[in-house]
């Protein structure tokens, strides 16, 4: 199966601020995710929450966070 969204896999974890939108109500909230593979994490999230969409608001790279 092909990933819904493709992003580069990082060598070290990054912290992401993700804007999640409920497609039924148009309500949104922020979710913080720390990972090396944001595509995998968020595709798993949307698989278990099918009425949502997401976008990366910001990525903190490196170990300074």
PDB file of N, CA and C in Angstrom:
ATOM      1  N   UNK A   1       0.844  -1.186   0.000  1.00  0.00           N
ATOM      2  CA  UNK A   1       0.000   0.000   0.000  1.00  0.00           C
ATOM      3  C   UNK A   1       0.884   1.242   0.000  1.00  0.00           C
ATOM      4  N   UNK A   2       0.497   2.222  -0.733  1.00  0.00           N
ATOM      5  CA  UNK A   2       1.261   3.452  -0.833  1.00  0.00           C
ATOM      6  C   UNK A   2       0.872   4.406   0.297  1.00  0.00           C
ATOM      7  N   UNK A   3       1.877   5.096   0.859  1.00  0.00           N
ATOM      8  CA  UNK A   3       1.585   6.083   1.905  1.00  0.00           C
ATOM      9  C   UNK A   3       0.742   7.210   1.337  1.00  0.00           C
ATOM     10  N   UNK A   4      -0.133   7.755   2.174  1.00  0.00           N
ATOM     11  CA  UNK A   4      -0.982   8.866   1.766  1.00  0.00           C
ATOM     12  C   UNK A   4      -0.162  10.131   1.542  1.00  0.00           C
ATOM     13  N   UNK A   5       0.827  10.341   2.384  1.00  0.00           N
ATOM     14  CA  UNK A   5       1.689  11.517   2.288  1.00  0.00           C
ATOM     15  C   UNK A   5       3.115  11.038   2.480  1.00  0.00           C
ATOM     16  N   UNK A   6       4.027  11.517   1.670  1.00  0.00           N
ATOM     17  CA  UNK A   6       5.415  11.104   1.788  1.00  0.00           C
ATOM     18  C   UNK A   6       6.279  12.270   2.256  1.00  0.00           C
ATOM     19  N   UNK A   7       7.066  12.013   3.295  1.00  0.00           N
ATOM     20  CA  UNK A   7       8.030  12.971   3.806  1.00  0.00           C
ATOM     21  C   UNK A   7       9.318  12.218   4.040  1.00  0.00           C
ATOM     22  N   UNK A   8      10.410  12.925   4.027  1.00  0.00           N
ATOM     23  CA  UNK A   8      11.718  12.305   4.236  1.00  0.00           C
ATOM     24  C   UNK A   8      11.832  11.738   5.651  1.00  0.00           C
ATOM     25  N   UNK A   9      12.351  10.508   5.762  1.00  0.00           N
ATOM     26  CA  UNK A   9      12.611   9.901   7.062  1.00  0.00           C
ATOM     27  C   UNK A   9      13.897  10.510   7.607  1.00  0.00           C
ATOM     28  N   UNK A  10      13.855  10.968   8.860  1.00  0.00           N
ATOM     29  CA  UNK A  10      15.010  11.617   9.468  1.00  0.00           C
ATOM     30  C   UNK A  10      15.925  10.601  10.135  1.00  0.00           C
ATOM     31  N   UNK A  11      17.203  10.955  10.283  1.00  0.00           N
ATOM     32  CA  UNK A  11      18.151  10.093  10.987  1.00  0.00           C
ATOM     33  C   UNK A  11      17.982  10.199  12.494  1.00  0.00           C
ATOM     34  N   UNK A  12      17.613  11.376  12.964  1.00  0.00           N
ATOM     35  CA  UNK A  12      17.342  11.566  14.386  1.00  0.00           C
ATOM     36  C   UNK A  12      15.931  12.150  14.527  1.00  0.00           C
ATOM     37  N   UNK A  13      15.286  11.897  15.669  1.00  0.00           N
ATOM     38  CA  UNK A  13      13.898  12.349  15.836  1.00  0.00           C
ATOM     39  C   UNK A  13      13.749  13.860  15.774  1.00  0.00           C
ATOM     40  N   UNK A  14      12.672  14.293  15.177  1.00  0.00           N
ATOM     41  CA  UNK A  14      12.258  15.691  15.179  1.00  0.00           C
ATOM     42  C   UNK A  14      10.947  15.792  15.940  1.00  0.00           C
ATOM     43  N   UNK A  15      10.693  16.961  16.489  1.00  0.00           N
ATOM     44  CA  UNK A  15       9.412  17.211  17.153  1.00  0.00           C
ATOM     45  C   UNK A  15       8.566  18.042  16.202  1.00  0.00           C
ATOM     46  N   UNK A  16       7.349  17.578  15.930  1.00  0.00           N
ATOM     47  CA  UNK A  16       6.455  18.234  14.995  1.00  0.00           C
ATOM     48  C   UNK A  16       5.229  18.774  15.716  1.00  0.00           C
ATOM     49  N   UNK A  17       4.795  19.968  15.312  1.00  0.00           N
ATOM     50  CA  UNK A  17       3.475  20.466  15.699  1.00  0.00           C
ATOM     51  C   UNK A  17       2.583  20.191  14.502  1.00  0.00           C
ATOM     52  N   UNK A  18       1.526  19.422  14.739  1.00  0.00           N
ATOM     53  CA  UNK A  18       0.617  19.004  13.675  1.00  0.00           C
ATOM     54  C   UNK A  18      -0.756  19.620  13.927  1.00  0.00           C
ATOM     55  N   UNK A  19      -1.337  20.214  12.903  1.00  0.00           N
ATOM     56  CA  UNK A  19      -2.712  20.709  12.987  1.00  0.00           C
ATOM     57  C   UNK A  19      -3.623  19.601  12.468  1.00  0.00           C
ATOM     58  N   UNK A  20      -4.478  19.088  13.343  1.00  0.00           N
ATOM     59  CA  UNK A  20      -5.417  18.024  12.992  1.00  0.00           C
ATOM     60  C   UNK A  20      -6.796  18.651  12.853  1.00  0.00           C
ATOM     61  N   UNK A  21      -7.485  18.336  11.766  1.00  0.00           N
ATOM     62  CA  UNK A  21      -8.821  18.866  11.519  1.00  0.00           C
ATOM     63  C   UNK A  21      -9.823  17.718  11.457  1.00  0.00           C
ATOM     64  N   UNK A  22     -10.906  17.846  12.216  1.00  0.00           N
ATOM     65  CA  UNK A  22     -12.019  16.896  12.123  1.00  0.00           C
ATOM     66  C   UNK A  22     -12.837  17.308  10.899  1.00  0.00           C
ATOM     67  N   UNK A  23     -12.872  16.455   9.897  1.00  0.00           N
ATOM     68  CA  UNK A  23     -13.534  16.802   8.646  1.00  0.00           C
ATOM     69  C   UNK A  23     -15.054  16.862   8.748  1.00  0.00           C
ATOM     70  N   UNK A  24     -15.627  16.304   9.813  1.00  0.00           N
ATOM     71  CA  UNK A  24     -17.083  16.377  10.005  1.00  0.00           C
ATOM     72  C   UNK A  24     -17.519  17.705  10.602  1.00  0.00           C
ATOM     73  N   UNK A  25     -16.716  18.230  11.531  1.00  0.00           N
ATOM     74  CA  UNK A  25     -17.109  19.444  12.258  1.00  0.00           C
ATOM     75  C   UNK A  25     -16.249  20.656  11.902  1.00  0.00           C
ATOM     76  N   UNK A  26     -15.175  20.444  11.176  1.00  0.00           N
ATOM     77  CA  UNK A  26     -14.184  21.476  10.844  1.00  0.00           C
ATOM     78  C   UNK A  26     -13.466  22.029  12.067  1.00  0.00           C
ATOM     79  N   UNK A  27     -13.583  21.358  13.211  1.00  0.00           N
ATOM     80  CA  UNK A  27     -12.822  21.757  14.390  1.00  0.00           C
ATOM     81  C   UNK A  27     -11.396  21.259  14.221  1.00  0.00           C
ATOM     82  N   UNK A  28     -10.441  22.047  14.752  1.00  0.00           N
ATOM     83  CA  UNK A  28      -9.055  21.592  14.672  1.00  0.00           C
ATOM     84  C   UNK A  28      -8.358  21.772  16.007  1.00  0.00           C
ATOM     85  N   UNK A  29      -7.277  21.025  16.158  1.00  0.00           N
ATOM     86  CA  UNK A  29      -6.463  21.101  17.364  1.00  0.00           C
ATOM     87  C   UNK A  29      -5.027  20.780  16.984  1.00  0.00           C
ATOM     88  N   UNK A  30      -4.109  21.120  17.886  1.00  0.00           N
ATOM     89  CA  UNK A  30      -2.706  20.836  17.656  1.00  0.00           C
ATOM     90  C   UNK A  30      -2.319  19.557  18.365  1.00  0.00           C
ATOM     91  N   UNK A  31      -1.469  18.805  17.711  1.00  0.00           N
ATOM     92  CA  UNK A  31      -0.940  17.580  18.285  1.00  0.00           C
ATOM     93  C   UNK A  31       0.578  17.637  18.137  1.00  0.00           C
ATOM     94  N   UNK A  32       1.301  17.279  19.192  1.00  0.00           N
ATOM     95  CA  UNK A  32       2.761  17.247  19.150  1.00  0.00           C
ATOM     96  C   UNK A  32       3.199  15.810  18.962  1.00  0.00           C
ATOM     97  N   UNK A  33       4.095  15.587  18.009  1.00  0.00           N
ATOM     98  CA  UNK A  33       4.580  14.249  17.706  1.00  0.00           C
ATOM     99  C   UNK A  33       6.097  14.301  17.583  1.00  0.00           C
ATOM    100  N   UNK A  34       6.783  13.380  18.247  1.00  0.00           N
ATOM    101  CA  UNK A  34       8.226  13.252  18.116  1.00  0.00           C
ATOM    102  C   UNK A  34       8.513  11.939  17.405  1.00  0.00           C
ATOM    103  N   UNK A  35       9.177  12.013  16.256  1.00  0.00           N
ATOM    104  CA  UNK A  35       9.412  10.826  15.443  1.00  0.00           C
ATOM    105  C   UNK A  35      10.492  11.077  14.402  1.00  0.00           C
ATOM    106  N   UNK A  36      10.975   9.998  13.806  1.00  0.00           N
ATOM    107  CA  UNK A  36      11.866  10.111  12.658  1.00  0.00           C
ATOM    108  C   UNK A  36      11.083   9.983  11.355  1.00  0.00           C
ATOM    109  N   UNK A  37       9.846   9.471  11.433  1.00  0.00           N
ATOM    110  CA  UNK A  37       9.040   9.224  10.234  1.00  0.00           C
ATOM    111  C   UNK A  37       7.618   9.755  10.423  1.00  0.00           C
ATOM    112  N   UNK A  38       7.434  11.032  10.132  1.00  0.00           N
ATOM    113  CA  UNK A  38       6.128  11.670  10.363  1.00  0.00           C
ATOM    114  C   UNK A  38       5.050  11.093   9.449  1.00  0.00           C
ATOM    115  N   UNK A  39       5.402  10.688   8.254  1.00  0.00           N
ATOM    116  CA  UNK A  39       4.411  10.096   7.346  1.00  0.00           C
ATOM    117  C   UNK A  39       3.807   8.838   7.946  1.00  0.00           C
ATOM    118  N   UNK A  40       4.666   7.951   8.437  1.00  0.00           N
ATOM    119  CA  UNK A  40       4.185   6.706   9.037  1.00  0.00           C
ATOM    120  C   UNK A  40       3.302   6.994  10.248  1.00  0.00           C
ATOM    121  N   UNK A  41       3.768   7.868  11.136  1.00  0.00           N
ATOM    122  CA  UNK A  41       3.001   8.202  12.344  1.00  0.00           C
ATOM    123  C   UNK A  41       1.618   8.754  12.011  1.00  0.00           C
ATOM    124  N   UNK A  42       1.572   9.717  11.098  1.00  0.00           N
ATOM    125  CA  UNK A  42       0.310  10.375  10.817  1.00  0.00           C
ATOM    126  C   UNK A  42      -0.604   9.522   9.925  1.00  0.00           C
ATOM    127  N   UNK A  43      -0.037   8.693   9.059  1.00  0.00           N
ATOM    128  CA  UNK A  43      -0.881   7.788   8.283  1.00  0.00           C
ATOM    129  C   UNK A  43      -1.516   6.737   9.186  1.00  0.00           C
ATOM    130  N   UNK A  44      -0.792   6.287  10.209  1.00  0.00           N
ATOM    131  CA  UNK A  44      -1.382   5.387  11.204  1.00  0.00           C
ATOM    132  C   UNK A  44      -2.472   6.103  11.995  1.00  0.00           C
ATOM    133  N   UNK A  45      -2.230   7.363  12.343  1.00  0.00           N
ATOM    134  CA  UNK A  45      -3.228   8.150  13.070  1.00  0.00           C
ATOM    135  C   UNK A  45      -4.510   8.309  12.242  1.00  0.00           C
ATOM    136  N   UNK A  46      -4.379   8.671  10.964  1.00  0.00           N
ATOM    137  CA  UNK A  46      -5.574   8.870  10.134  1.00  0.00           C
ATOM    138  C   UNK A  46      -6.267   7.553   9.806  1.00  0.00           C
ATOM    139  N   UNK A  47      -5.531   6.450   9.823  1.00  0.00           N
ATOM    140  CA  UNK A  47      -6.166   5.145   9.612  1.00  0.00           C
ATOM    141  C   UNK A  47      -7.114   4.818  10.765  1.00  0.00           C
ATOM    142  N   UNK A  48      -6.744   5.203  11.986  1.00  0.00           N
ATOM    143  CA  UNK A  48      -7.608   4.946  13.136  1.00  0.00           C
ATOM    144  C   UNK A  48      -8.577   6.102  13.405  1.00  0.00           C
ATOM    145  N   UNK A  49      -8.388   7.217  12.732  1.00  0.00           N
ATOM    146  CA  UNK A  49      -9.274   8.388  12.833  1.00  0.00           C
ATOM    147  C   UNK A  49      -9.604   8.842  11.412  1.00  0.00           C
ATOM    148  N   UNK A  50     -10.432   8.084  10.690  1.00  0.00           N
ATOM    149  CA  UNK A  50     -10.601   8.313   9.250  1.00  0.00           C
ATOM    150  C   UNK A  50     -11.231   9.642   8.852  1.00  0.00           C
ATOM    151  N   UNK A  51     -11.898  10.316   9.744  1.00  0.00           N
ATOM    152  CA  UNK A  51     -12.543  11.585   9.396  1.00  0.00           C
ATOM    153  C   UNK A  51     -11.694  12.785   9.777  1.00  0.00           C
ATOM    154  N   UNK A  52     -10.370  12.598   9.747  1.00  0.00           N
ATOM    155  CA  UNK A  52      -9.466  13.692  10.077  1.00  0.00           C
ATOM    156  C   UNK A  52      -8.475  13.922   8.944  1.00  0.00           C
ATOM    157  N   UNK A  53      -7.961  15.130   8.900  1.00  0.00           N
ATOM    158  CA  UNK A  53      -6.860  15.467   7.998  1.00  0.00           C
ATOM    159  C   UNK A  53      -5.820  16.196   8.836  1.00  0.00           C
ATOM    160  N   UNK A  54      -4.617  16.310   8.308  1.00  0.00           N
ATOM    161  CA  UNK A  54      -3.544  16.917   9.100  1.00  0.00           C
ATOM    162  C   UNK A  54      -2.581  17.668   8.206  1.00  0.00           C
ATOM    163  N   UNK A  55      -1.860  18.590   8.839  1.00  0.00           N
ATOM    164  CA  UNK A  55      -0.774  19.297   8.162  1.00  0.00           C
ATOM    165  C   UNK A  55       0.283  19.664   9.196  1.00  0.00           C
ATOM    166  N   UNK A  56       1.527  19.712   8.745  1.00  0.00           N
ATOM    167  CA  UNK A  56       2.634  20.088   9.626  1.00  0.00           C
ATOM    168  C   UNK A  56       2.630  21.604   9.770  1.00  0.00           C
ATOM    169  N   UNK A  57       2.571  22.065  11.018  1.00  0.00           N
ATOM    170  CA  UNK A  57       2.645  23.493  11.299  1.00  0.00           C
ATOM    171  C   UNK A  57       4.103  23.904  11.462  1.00  0.00           C
ATOM    172  N   UNK A  58       4.863  23.086  12.204  1.00  0.00           N
ATOM    173  CA  UNK A  58       6.258  23.422  12.444  1.00  0.00           C
ATOM    174  C   UNK A  58       7.028  22.152  12.788  1.00  0.00           C
ATOM    175  N   UNK A  59       8.300  22.118  12.429  1.00  0.00           N
ATOM    176  CA  UNK A  59       9.173  21.016  12.785  1.00  0.00           C
ATOM    177  C   UNK A  59      10.377  21.558  13.544  1.00  0.00           C
ATOM    178  N   UNK A  60      10.584  21.038  14.756  1.00  0.00           N
ATOM    179  CA  UNK A  60      11.782  21.352  15.542  1.00  0.00           C
ATOM    180  C   UNK A  60      12.807  20.281  15.222  1.00  0.00           C
ATOM    181  N   UNK A  61      13.899  20.665  14.581  1.00  0.00           N
ATOM    182  CA  UNK A  61      14.941  19.697  14.209  1.00  0.00           C
ATOM    183  C   UNK A  61      16.058  19.730  15.227  1.00  0.00           C
ATOM    184  N   UNK A  62      16.705  18.595  15.391  1.00  0.00           N
ATOM    185  CA  UNK A  62      17.881  18.528  16.257  1.00  0.00           C
ATOM    186  C   UNK A  62      17.525  18.283  17.700  1.00  0.00           C
ATOM    187  N   UNK A  63      18.536  18.392  18.549  1.00  0.00           N
ATOM    188  CA  UNK A  63      18.363  18.062  19.956  1.00  0.00           C
ATOM    189  C   UNK A  63      18.120  19.248  20.864  1.00  0.00           C
ATOM    190  N   UNK A  64      17.788  20.412  20.325  1.00  0.00           N
ATOM    191  CA  UNK A  64      17.630  21.609  21.136  1.00  0.00           C
ATOM    192  C   UNK A  64      16.279  21.776  21.785  1.00  0.00           C
ATOM    193  N   UNK A  65      15.381  20.825  21.607  1.00  0.00           N
ATOM    194  CA  UNK A  65      14.028  20.974  22.163  1.00  0.00           C
ATOM    195  C   UNK A  65      13.881  20.143  23.397  1.00  0.00           C
TER     196      UNK A  65
END
